Protein backbone atom coordinates (compact mmCIF):
# COMPACT_ATOMS: atom_id res chain seq x y z
CA MET A 1 -27.35 19.54 -4.92
CA SER A 2 -27.97 16.91 -7.62
CA ALA A 3 -26.07 13.61 -7.66
CA GLN A 4 -24.24 14.77 -10.79
CA GLN A 5 -23.15 18.05 -9.16
CA HIS A 6 -22.05 16.12 -6.07
CA LEU A 7 -19.83 13.84 -8.17
CA LEU A 8 -18.33 16.83 -10.00
CA TYR A 9 -17.43 18.72 -6.84
CA GLU A 10 -15.96 15.51 -5.35
CA ARG A 11 -13.78 15.13 -8.43
CA VAL A 12 -12.44 18.68 -8.10
CA ALA A 13 -11.81 18.21 -4.36
CA ARG A 14 -9.97 14.92 -4.96
CA GLN A 15 -7.75 16.56 -7.56
CA VAL A 16 -6.61 19.21 -5.08
CA GLU A 17 -6.29 16.67 -2.24
CA ALA A 18 -4.05 14.47 -4.40
CA GLN A 19 -1.77 17.41 -5.25
CA ILE A 20 -1.46 18.24 -1.56
CA ALA A 21 -0.91 14.61 -0.53
CA THR A 22 1.92 14.11 -3.04
CA GLY A 23 3.63 17.42 -2.25
CA THR A 24 2.83 19.07 -5.60
CA LEU A 25 1.02 21.72 -3.58
CA ARG A 26 2.72 22.48 -0.27
CA ALA A 27 1.79 24.42 2.82
CA GLY A 28 1.34 28.09 1.92
CA ASP A 29 0.99 27.50 -1.83
CA ARG A 30 -1.86 29.28 -3.61
CA ILE A 31 -4.22 26.83 -5.28
CA PRO A 32 -5.81 27.63 -8.66
CA SER A 33 -8.43 30.35 -8.55
CA VAL A 34 -12.09 29.42 -8.76
CA ARG A 35 -12.32 30.64 -12.36
CA SER A 36 -9.09 28.93 -13.38
CA MET A 37 -10.15 25.62 -11.86
CA SER A 38 -13.57 25.97 -13.49
CA ARG A 39 -11.91 26.21 -16.90
CA THR A 40 -9.34 23.49 -16.26
CA ALA A 41 -11.75 20.95 -14.77
CA ARG A 42 -14.56 21.95 -17.15
CA VAL A 43 -17.09 22.41 -14.38
CA SER A 44 -19.19 25.33 -13.23
CA ILE A 45 -17.89 28.02 -10.87
CA SER A 46 -20.46 26.94 -8.26
CA THR A 47 -19.09 23.39 -8.38
CA VAL A 48 -15.55 24.64 -7.70
CA VAL A 49 -16.83 26.83 -4.86
CA GLN A 50 -18.53 23.78 -3.30
CA ALA A 51 -15.29 21.76 -3.64
CA TYR A 52 -13.18 24.52 -2.08
CA MET A 53 -15.67 24.95 0.77
CA HIS A 54 -15.40 21.20 1.44
CA LEU A 55 -11.58 21.38 1.46
CA GLU A 56 -11.72 24.38 3.78
CA ASN A 57 -14.04 22.54 6.17
CA THR A 58 -11.66 19.56 6.30
CA GLY A 59 -8.76 21.88 7.16
CA LEU A 60 -6.71 21.31 4.00
CA ILE A 61 -7.00 24.83 2.59
CA GLU A 62 -7.80 28.30 3.87
CA ALA A 63 -9.34 31.38 2.28
CA ARG A 64 -7.46 34.68 2.42
CA PRO A 65 -9.49 37.86 1.83
CA GLN A 66 -8.82 39.53 -1.53
CA SER A 67 -6.20 36.87 -2.30
CA GLY A 68 -7.72 33.44 -2.91
CA PHE A 69 -7.32 29.97 -1.47
CA TYR A 70 -4.09 28.56 -0.05
CA VAL A 71 -2.87 25.23 1.30
CA ARG A 72 -3.17 25.54 5.05
CA ARG A 73 0.11 26.07 6.84
CA VAL A 74 1.14 23.80 9.68
CA ASP A 75 3.35 24.69 12.59
CA ARG A 76 6.55 23.86 10.70
CA GLU A 77 7.61 23.69 7.10
CA VAL A 78 7.21 20.37 5.30
CA ALA A 79 9.62 17.86 6.81
CA ALA A 80 12.28 16.19 4.74
CA GLN A 81 11.61 12.69 3.45
CA PRO A 82 13.07 9.78 5.45
CA ARG A 83 16.47 8.63 4.21
CA PRO A 84 17.04 5.20 2.63
CA LYS A 85 19.66 2.94 4.16
CA ILE A 86 22.86 2.19 2.28
CA VAL A 87 23.20 -1.53 1.58
CA ARG A 88 26.16 -2.60 3.69
CA SER A 89 26.83 -5.95 2.08
CA LEU A 90 25.83 -7.83 -1.05
CA ARG A 91 26.21 -11.16 0.77
CA PRO A 92 22.88 -13.02 0.96
CA THR A 93 21.56 -13.24 4.53
CA SER A 94 19.04 -15.40 6.31
CA VAL A 95 16.11 -13.59 7.87
CA ALA A 96 16.23 -13.60 11.68
CA ALA A 97 12.92 -14.96 12.97
CA GLU A 98 13.04 -12.98 16.21
CA VAL A 99 13.04 -9.73 14.25
CA LEU A 100 9.76 -10.67 12.62
CA ASP A 101 7.76 -11.75 15.68
CA ILE A 102 7.74 -8.40 17.44
CA CYS A 103 4.45 -7.06 16.03
CA ARG A 104 2.20 -10.13 16.18
CA GLU A 105 0.79 -9.76 19.66
CA ALA A 106 0.09 -6.05 19.23
CA LEU A 107 -1.94 -6.72 16.06
CA THR A 108 -4.35 -8.89 18.06
CA ARG A 109 -5.07 -6.30 20.75
CA SER A 110 -8.42 -4.52 20.72
CA ASP A 111 -7.61 -2.06 23.52
CA ILE A 112 -5.19 0.17 21.59
CA VAL A 113 -5.38 2.94 19.00
CA PRO A 114 -4.40 0.75 16.02
CA LEU A 115 -1.82 2.78 14.12
CA ASN A 116 0.20 -0.42 13.65
CA GLY A 117 -1.76 -2.19 10.89
CA ALA A 118 -1.95 -1.46 7.16
CA PHE A 119 -5.74 -1.53 6.96
CA THR A 120 -8.72 0.77 7.08
CA SER A 121 -11.92 0.79 9.11
CA PRO A 122 -14.34 -2.10 8.40
CA ALA A 123 -17.10 0.51 8.15
CA LEU A 124 -15.50 1.94 5.00
CA TYR A 125 -15.77 -1.25 2.96
CA PRO A 126 -18.82 -1.72 0.66
CA ASN A 127 -20.48 -3.98 3.23
CA GLY A 128 -24.09 -3.28 2.27
CA ARG A 129 -23.51 -4.09 -1.40
CA LEU A 130 -21.51 -7.22 -0.56
CA ASN A 131 -24.19 -8.46 1.85
CA ASN A 132 -26.91 -8.00 -0.77
CA LEU A 133 -24.85 -9.92 -3.32
CA LEU A 134 -24.18 -12.63 -0.76
CA ARG A 135 -27.91 -13.17 -0.33
CA GLU A 136 -28.31 -13.37 -4.12
CA VAL A 137 -25.59 -16.00 -4.32
CA LEU A 138 -27.15 -18.05 -1.53
CA ARG A 139 -30.52 -18.02 -3.29
CA LYS A 140 -28.93 -19.23 -6.51
CA HIS A 141 -26.54 -21.70 -4.86
CA PRO A 142 -28.26 -22.95 -1.68
CA PHE A 143 -25.82 -25.86 -1.43
CA HIS A 144 -22.74 -23.63 -1.53
CA ALA A 145 -21.26 -25.29 1.56
CA GLY A 146 -20.84 -28.50 -0.41
CA GLU A 147 -19.59 -26.91 -3.63
CA LEU A 148 -15.87 -26.68 -4.32
CA ILE A 149 -14.17 -24.60 -6.98
CA PRO A 150 -10.69 -26.12 -7.48
CA PRO A 151 -7.73 -24.05 -8.69
CA PRO A 152 -7.36 -21.91 -10.68
CA GLY A 153 -10.67 -20.67 -9.21
CA ASP A 154 -14.05 -19.26 -10.21
CA ALA A 155 -14.09 -18.57 -13.95
CA GLU A 156 -16.18 -15.39 -13.73
CA LEU A 157 -14.02 -13.91 -10.97
CA ARG A 158 -10.90 -14.63 -13.03
CA ARG A 159 -12.51 -12.91 -16.02
CA GLN A 160 -13.35 -9.84 -13.94
CA ILE A 161 -9.79 -9.68 -12.56
CA ALA A 162 -8.41 -9.92 -16.09
CA LYS A 163 -10.57 -6.94 -17.06
CA ARG A 164 -9.21 -4.97 -14.09
CA MET A 165 -5.63 -5.87 -15.05
CA ALA A 166 -6.14 -4.17 -18.39
CA LEU A 167 -6.58 -0.87 -16.53
CA ALA A 168 -3.00 -1.25 -15.27
CA GLY A 169 -1.73 -1.56 -18.84
CA THR A 170 -1.63 -5.35 -18.87
CA PRO A 171 -4.25 -7.10 -21.04
CA THR A 172 -4.66 -10.51 -19.46
CA ASP A 173 -6.04 -13.90 -20.44
CA PRO A 174 -8.40 -15.12 -17.66
CA ALA A 175 -6.77 -18.54 -18.04
CA HIS A 176 -3.56 -17.02 -16.64
CA VAL A 177 -5.24 -15.90 -13.39
CA VAL A 178 -5.01 -18.15 -10.31
CA ILE A 179 -7.25 -17.36 -7.33
CA THR A 180 -5.42 -17.50 -3.99
CA GLY A 181 -6.06 -16.89 -0.30
CA GLY A 182 -4.96 -13.24 -0.41
CA ALA A 183 -1.89 -11.53 -1.82
CA MET A 184 0.53 -13.11 0.66
CA ASP A 185 -0.74 -16.56 -0.35
CA ALA A 186 -0.11 -15.60 -3.98
CA VAL A 187 3.44 -14.46 -3.20
CA THR A 188 4.17 -17.52 -1.05
CA LEU A 189 2.86 -19.99 -3.63
CA THR A 190 4.91 -18.29 -6.31
CA LEU A 191 8.05 -18.45 -4.18
CA GLN A 192 7.40 -22.16 -3.62
CA THR A 193 7.06 -22.60 -7.37
CA LEU A 194 10.25 -20.73 -8.26
CA CYS A 195 12.66 -21.40 -5.38
CA GLU A 196 14.42 -24.19 -3.49
CA PRO A 197 15.65 -23.89 0.13
CA GLY A 198 18.91 -21.95 0.22
CA ASP A 199 18.12 -19.91 -2.89
CA THR A 200 18.56 -16.14 -2.83
CA VAL A 201 15.71 -13.68 -3.39
CA LEU A 202 16.03 -9.96 -4.09
CA VAL A 203 13.78 -7.68 -2.01
CA GLU A 204 13.46 -3.98 -1.30
CA SER A 205 14.72 -2.31 1.84
CA PRO A 206 12.51 -1.50 3.64
CA THR A 207 9.83 -4.02 2.75
CA TYR A 208 6.75 -5.61 4.30
CA PHE A 209 7.69 -7.78 7.27
CA GLY A 210 5.18 -10.48 6.27
CA LEU A 211 7.19 -11.04 3.11
CA LEU A 212 10.37 -11.45 5.15
CA GLN A 213 8.46 -13.92 7.32
CA ALA A 214 7.43 -15.97 4.28
CA ILE A 215 10.98 -15.99 2.95
CA GLU A 216 12.38 -17.12 6.29
CA HIS A 217 9.75 -19.86 6.56
CA GLN A 218 10.82 -21.25 3.18
CA ARG A 219 14.47 -21.21 4.24
CA LEU A 220 15.46 -18.74 1.56
CA LYS A 221 18.04 -15.97 1.75
CA VAL A 222 17.65 -12.33 0.75
CA VAL A 223 19.67 -9.51 -0.70
CA GLU A 224 18.26 -6.00 -0.36
CA VAL A 225 18.11 -2.97 -2.64
CA PRO A 226 17.08 0.46 -1.35
CA ASN A 227 13.58 1.79 -1.76
CA HIS A 228 13.80 5.58 -1.71
CA PRO A 229 10.74 7.22 -0.07
CA GLY A 230 10.57 9.85 -2.82
CA SER A 231 11.24 7.75 -5.91
CA GLY A 232 10.91 4.04 -5.18
CA ILE A 233 13.16 1.14 -6.10
CA ASP A 234 16.85 1.91 -6.77
CA VAL A 235 17.40 0.82 -10.37
CA ASP A 236 21.21 0.91 -10.24
CA ALA A 237 21.22 -1.33 -7.17
CA VAL A 238 18.98 -3.83 -8.98
CA ARG A 239 21.31 -3.84 -11.98
CA SER A 240 24.34 -4.40 -9.76
CA LEU A 241 22.80 -7.30 -7.83
CA ALA A 242 21.38 -8.95 -10.93
CA LYS A 243 24.88 -8.96 -12.38
CA SER A 244 26.77 -10.07 -9.27
CA THR A 245 24.39 -12.45 -7.48
CA ARG A 246 22.64 -15.66 -8.52
CA LEU A 247 18.99 -14.84 -7.91
CA ALA A 248 16.11 -17.30 -7.92
CA ALA A 249 13.51 -14.50 -7.91
CA ALA A 250 12.83 -10.87 -7.01
CA VAL A 251 9.86 -9.80 -4.89
CA LEU A 252 9.08 -6.12 -5.44
CA MET A 253 6.33 -3.63 -4.54
CA PRO A 254 6.76 -0.81 -7.09
CA ASN A 255 3.30 0.70 -6.51
CA PHE A 256 3.22 2.24 -3.02
CA ASN A 257 5.79 0.22 -1.16
CA ASN A 258 4.88 -0.88 2.35
CA PRO A 259 6.19 0.89 4.47
CA THR A 260 7.49 3.90 2.47
CA GLY A 261 4.43 4.52 0.28
CA ALA A 262 6.79 5.28 -2.62
CA LEU A 263 5.80 4.92 -6.27
CA THR A 264 8.43 3.65 -8.71
CA SER A 265 8.18 5.47 -12.04
CA ASP A 266 7.29 3.74 -15.30
CA ASP A 267 10.80 4.35 -16.66
CA ALA A 268 12.32 2.73 -13.57
CA LYS A 269 9.91 -0.21 -13.81
CA ARG A 270 10.91 -0.73 -17.41
CA ASP A 271 14.61 -0.64 -16.53
CA ILE A 272 14.17 -3.02 -13.57
CA VAL A 273 12.27 -5.54 -15.69
CA ALA A 274 14.95 -5.33 -18.38
CA ALA A 275 17.80 -5.72 -15.87
CA LEU A 276 16.32 -8.81 -14.23
CA THR A 277 15.03 -10.33 -17.47
CA ALA A 278 18.57 -10.17 -18.89
CA TYR A 279 19.57 -12.73 -16.24
CA GLU A 280 16.28 -14.67 -16.47
CA VAL A 281 15.21 -13.69 -12.95
CA PRO A 282 11.43 -13.99 -12.39
CA ILE A 283 9.79 -10.96 -10.75
CA ILE A 284 7.00 -11.41 -8.21
CA GLU A 285 5.15 -8.08 -8.20
CA ASP A 286 3.08 -7.38 -5.08
CA ASP A 287 0.53 -4.90 -6.44
CA ILE A 288 -1.91 -5.01 -3.54
CA TYR A 289 -2.02 -1.19 -3.21
CA GLY A 290 -2.11 -0.36 -6.93
CA ASP A 291 -5.76 0.77 -6.89
CA LEU A 292 -5.18 3.12 -3.92
CA HIS A 293 -3.35 5.91 -5.75
CA PHE A 294 -3.72 9.54 -4.70
CA THR A 295 -3.25 10.89 -8.22
CA SER A 296 -5.73 10.78 -11.09
CA ALA A 297 -4.48 7.64 -12.85
CA ARG A 298 -3.71 4.12 -11.68
CA PRO A 299 0.02 3.35 -11.96
CA SER A 300 1.18 0.69 -14.38
CA SER A 301 1.93 -2.86 -13.42
CA MET A 302 5.43 -4.18 -14.11
CA ARG A 303 3.79 -6.69 -16.42
CA ALA A 304 3.19 -3.78 -18.82
CA PHE A 305 6.95 -3.86 -19.53
CA ASP A 306 7.38 -7.64 -19.53
CA GLU A 307 8.15 -9.20 -22.90
CA ALA A 308 9.61 -12.47 -21.58
CA GLY A 309 6.70 -13.57 -19.37
CA LEU A 310 8.82 -13.38 -16.21
CA VAL A 311 6.63 -10.99 -14.18
CA ILE A 312 4.02 -12.58 -11.90
CA SER A 313 1.54 -9.96 -10.62
CA CYS A 314 -0.08 -10.62 -7.25
CA GLY A 315 -3.03 -8.74 -5.82
CA SER A 316 -5.93 -8.98 -3.38
CA VAL A 317 -9.24 -7.47 -2.30
CA SER A 318 -8.04 -7.18 1.31
CA LYS A 319 -7.08 -3.49 1.15
CA THR A 320 -9.89 -2.35 -1.12
CA ILE A 321 -13.09 -4.41 -0.76
CA ALA A 322 -13.09 -6.93 2.09
CA LEU A 323 -10.23 -7.63 4.49
CA SER A 324 -11.75 -10.85 5.85
CA TYR A 325 -12.62 -12.43 2.48
CA ARG A 326 -8.96 -13.49 2.04
CA ILE A 327 -9.20 -13.64 -1.74
CA GLY A 328 -6.26 -12.74 -3.94
CA TRP A 329 -4.67 -13.75 -7.22
CA ALA A 330 -1.46 -14.47 -9.08
CA VAL A 331 -1.31 -13.62 -12.79
CA SER A 332 1.30 -15.17 -15.08
CA PRO A 333 1.21 -16.50 -18.66
CA GLN A 334 4.26 -18.68 -17.96
CA PHE A 335 3.85 -19.94 -14.38
CA HIS A 336 0.06 -20.06 -13.85
CA ALA A 337 -0.19 -23.86 -14.19
CA ALA A 338 2.58 -24.46 -11.64
CA ILE A 339 1.06 -21.93 -9.21
CA SER A 340 -2.34 -23.57 -9.64
CA ARG A 341 -0.84 -26.96 -8.76
CA ALA A 342 0.92 -25.46 -5.74
CA LYS A 343 -2.39 -23.98 -4.57
CA PHE A 344 -4.14 -27.34 -4.84
CA PHE A 345 -1.45 -29.19 -2.92
CA SER A 346 -1.18 -26.55 -0.18
CA SER A 347 -4.86 -25.87 0.61
CA VAL A 348 -6.97 -27.51 -2.16
CA ALA A 349 -9.05 -24.40 -2.95
CA CYS A 350 -10.26 -20.95 -1.88
CA PRO A 351 -13.70 -20.33 -0.30
CA THR A 352 -16.44 -20.72 -2.89
CA LEU A 353 -18.93 -18.20 -1.49
CA GLN A 354 -16.47 -15.29 -1.38
CA GLN A 355 -15.34 -15.93 -4.96
CA ARG A 356 -18.88 -15.84 -6.29
CA VAL A 357 -19.79 -12.71 -4.33
CA LEU A 358 -16.71 -10.86 -5.57
CA ALA A 359 -17.34 -11.90 -9.17
CA ARG A 360 -20.80 -10.36 -8.96
CA TYR A 361 -19.51 -7.26 -7.20
CA TYR A 362 -16.98 -6.50 -9.94
CA ALA A 363 -19.52 -7.24 -12.68
CA SER A 364 -22.29 -5.13 -11.14
CA GLY A 365 -20.40 -1.84 -11.48
CA GLY A 366 -19.80 0.81 -8.86
CA TYR A 367 -16.32 -0.37 -7.85
CA ASP A 368 -14.54 2.59 -9.43
CA ARG A 369 -16.98 5.06 -7.86
CA TYR A 370 -16.40 3.43 -4.48
CA LEU A 371 -12.62 3.50 -5.06
CA ARG A 372 -12.72 7.24 -5.75
CA ARG A 373 -14.27 7.84 -2.34
CA MET A 374 -11.79 5.50 -0.67
CA ARG A 375 -8.80 7.18 -2.35
CA ALA A 376 -10.05 10.66 -1.48
CA MET A 377 -10.35 9.66 2.18
CA LEU A 378 -6.92 8.01 2.24
CA GLY A 379 -5.24 10.96 0.50
CA ALA A 380 -6.80 13.48 2.89
CA ASN A 381 -5.93 11.25 5.84
CA ALA A 382 -2.31 10.95 4.74
CA GLN A 383 -2.01 14.73 4.69
CA LYS A 384 -3.56 15.03 8.16
CA PHE A 385 -1.18 12.41 9.53
CA MET A 386 1.83 14.18 7.99
CA ASP A 387 0.67 17.51 9.39
CA ALA A 388 0.15 16.01 12.84
CA VAL A 389 3.56 14.31 12.93
CA MET A 390 5.24 17.54 11.89
CA ARG A 391 3.25 19.43 14.51
CA TYR A 392 3.83 17.13 17.49
CA PHE A 393 7.13 15.31 16.89
CA PRO A 394 10.46 16.93 17.80
CA SER A 395 13.03 18.51 15.51
CA GLY A 396 15.00 15.97 13.51
CA THR A 397 11.92 13.97 12.50
CA ARG A 398 11.50 13.18 8.82
CA VAL A 399 8.12 12.24 7.35
CA GLY A 400 7.39 10.30 4.18
CA ARG A 401 4.95 11.66 1.60
CA PRO A 402 3.24 8.54 0.22
CA ALA A 403 1.88 8.60 -3.31
CA GLY A 404 -0.79 6.04 -2.42
CA GLY A 405 -1.66 3.24 -0.04
CA MET A 406 -2.39 3.63 3.66
CA VAL A 407 0.87 3.93 5.59
CA ILE A 408 3.26 6.72 6.63
CA TRP A 409 7.02 6.10 7.04
CA VAL A 410 8.63 8.22 9.77
CA GLU A 411 12.34 8.66 10.51
CA LEU A 412 12.84 9.64 14.16
CA PRO A 413 15.77 11.64 15.52
CA ARG A 414 18.92 9.47 15.38
CA SER A 415 19.07 8.95 19.14
CA VAL A 416 15.53 7.50 19.36
CA ASP A 417 15.09 3.73 19.13
CA GLY A 418 11.84 2.79 17.38
CA THR A 419 11.57 -0.44 19.36
CA GLU A 420 11.72 1.47 22.65
CA LEU A 421 9.04 3.79 21.29
CA PHE A 422 6.99 0.72 20.30
CA ASP A 423 7.11 -0.50 23.91
CA SER A 424 6.33 2.92 25.38
CA ALA A 425 3.47 3.43 22.95
CA LEU A 426 1.92 0.06 23.80
CA ALA A 427 2.07 1.00 27.48
CA SER A 428 0.03 4.06 26.49
CA ARG A 429 -2.34 1.87 24.44
CA ILE A 430 -1.11 3.06 21.06
CA GLY A 431 -0.01 0.59 18.39
CA ILE A 432 2.81 1.39 15.95
CA ALA A 433 5.15 -0.73 13.83
CA PRO A 434 8.87 -0.36 14.65
CA GLY A 435 11.14 0.12 11.65
CA MET A 436 13.45 -2.79 12.43
CA VAL A 437 10.86 -5.39 11.32
CA PHE A 438 10.95 -4.05 7.75
CA SER A 439 14.52 -5.23 7.09
CA ALA A 440 16.14 -8.66 7.07
CA LYS A 441 19.10 -7.16 8.92
CA ALA A 442 16.97 -5.33 11.53
CA ASP A 443 17.89 -1.92 10.09
CA TYR A 444 15.75 1.20 10.53
CA ARG A 445 16.03 1.24 14.32
CA ASN A 446 15.10 4.93 14.45
CA TYR A 447 12.11 4.54 12.11
CA ILE A 448 8.44 3.68 12.61
CA ARG A 449 5.46 3.00 10.35
CA LEU A 450 2.06 4.51 11.07
CA SER A 451 -1.24 3.52 9.51
CA CYS A 452 -3.22 6.37 7.95
CA GLY A 453 -6.05 4.11 6.83
CA LEU A 454 -8.42 4.84 9.71
CA PRO A 455 -10.76 7.86 9.52
CA TRP A 456 -9.26 10.91 11.19
CA THR A 457 -10.71 11.49 14.67
CA PRO A 458 -9.77 13.46 17.80
CA THR A 459 -8.70 10.13 19.34
CA ILE A 460 -6.16 9.56 16.59
CA GLU A 461 -4.85 13.12 16.83
CA ARG A 462 -4.41 12.73 20.60
CA ALA A 463 -2.54 9.45 19.98
CA ILE A 464 -0.12 11.14 17.59
CA GLU A 465 0.35 14.01 20.05
CA LYS A 466 1.16 11.44 22.74
CA LEU A 467 3.61 9.68 20.42
CA GLY A 468 5.33 13.01 19.84
CA ARG A 469 5.76 13.48 23.58
CA LEU A 470 7.15 9.95 23.92
CA VAL A 471 9.65 10.61 21.13
CA SER A 472 10.74 13.82 22.84
CA ASP A 473 11.14 11.97 26.16
CA LEU A 474 13.30 9.28 24.55
CA ALA A 475 15.43 11.88 22.79
CA ARG A 476 16.01 13.77 26.04
CA ALA A 477 16.87 10.55 27.89
CA ALA A 478 19.41 9.61 25.21
CA ALA A 479 21.03 13.02 25.44
CA ALA A 480 21.27 12.95 29.24
């Protein structure tokens, strides 16, 4: 098979995988016939056959004689999506530090099946290409260890990031890009720029526990709005809080929320930006997962709907290119100078070598081709994880259907405490993230988050099967 044919069949396979991962095609559904897909995708029949054979080999579809191809059935019908929590109070609350410390030790362990971290295997990153570029940089800049690039950061890297931002519907001036030490550094610096201790920040519920940690460290308070696993951020709740509460900022993850994996629609993004802009509330957009969509097109950034310059977009290469490089960015036409100053006073600068390597990587091409492979793997993995949870977990379990990213949100039967499951799983050398750490009020006690970023292996399937038995044991003990 030629390289061109290989790329074509991969494209067809990814299209079907994305429809399965997002629930557009469900277990038992007939997928388009070979001839129909050939016409729709404008590829040859042999290319479609190769794509369908690949999907059949991975277990996503099955051939039925004289009938066609169908999405493979699992042991049970597709589980319902996890339910969002109802906000109990609009009163701002301080984040309890003890809620946030529970996962730290487990993240450092190397003797467990790591379903507790939102990352993928180091082997899947473009290591060979990065290493070659690193050698090129060292030849050109042999004194790199003594060279410092002060904020806002390497000019070529900022130009490349601005070009990438245009793909999310937000043409960007490179002068408005500030290089940071990862996305969390970008969010933290922006919070420092916008807020004073005691201020109130709007966040989603659930949301990434590292964000809650940063808010607690800066002695800020939070109010929460629901993030619905199927549809994303609750627009009406945002409107209500913007009207009733004095907010210093909002920190939102509209593209593939961690932990729900939900995608907020463009219409909802537009309405959220309008609601918060009406009260002059800056929006810190954590868009770290934006490139990891399971559908054909990258979702828009909130900055695409920002006419007042109040949206600050934060991103990173940690989930897509190199976890250990710790390079991210904050993009804002209004606040970039203040964020740049905050970066200088907090840590002077970001590593020079990594910035120059990444600038060359983006400029050299191949990133989008690499991303297509990464997204195809993550989308197929997500489906396998959902299938396995539905197969092995007891009745009453609800499973999220992420639209992108690398995590699965699971609602356990009501009687099962996710923290108890966390402890039992660790004793069995399996890492998970208990739901309570994703809320400032320690909600989601019968929820867990699983990583689907690692390549699917028999070891991972056995770990999920074991988790299912542990959930069943806890449910039986609660009923006794």
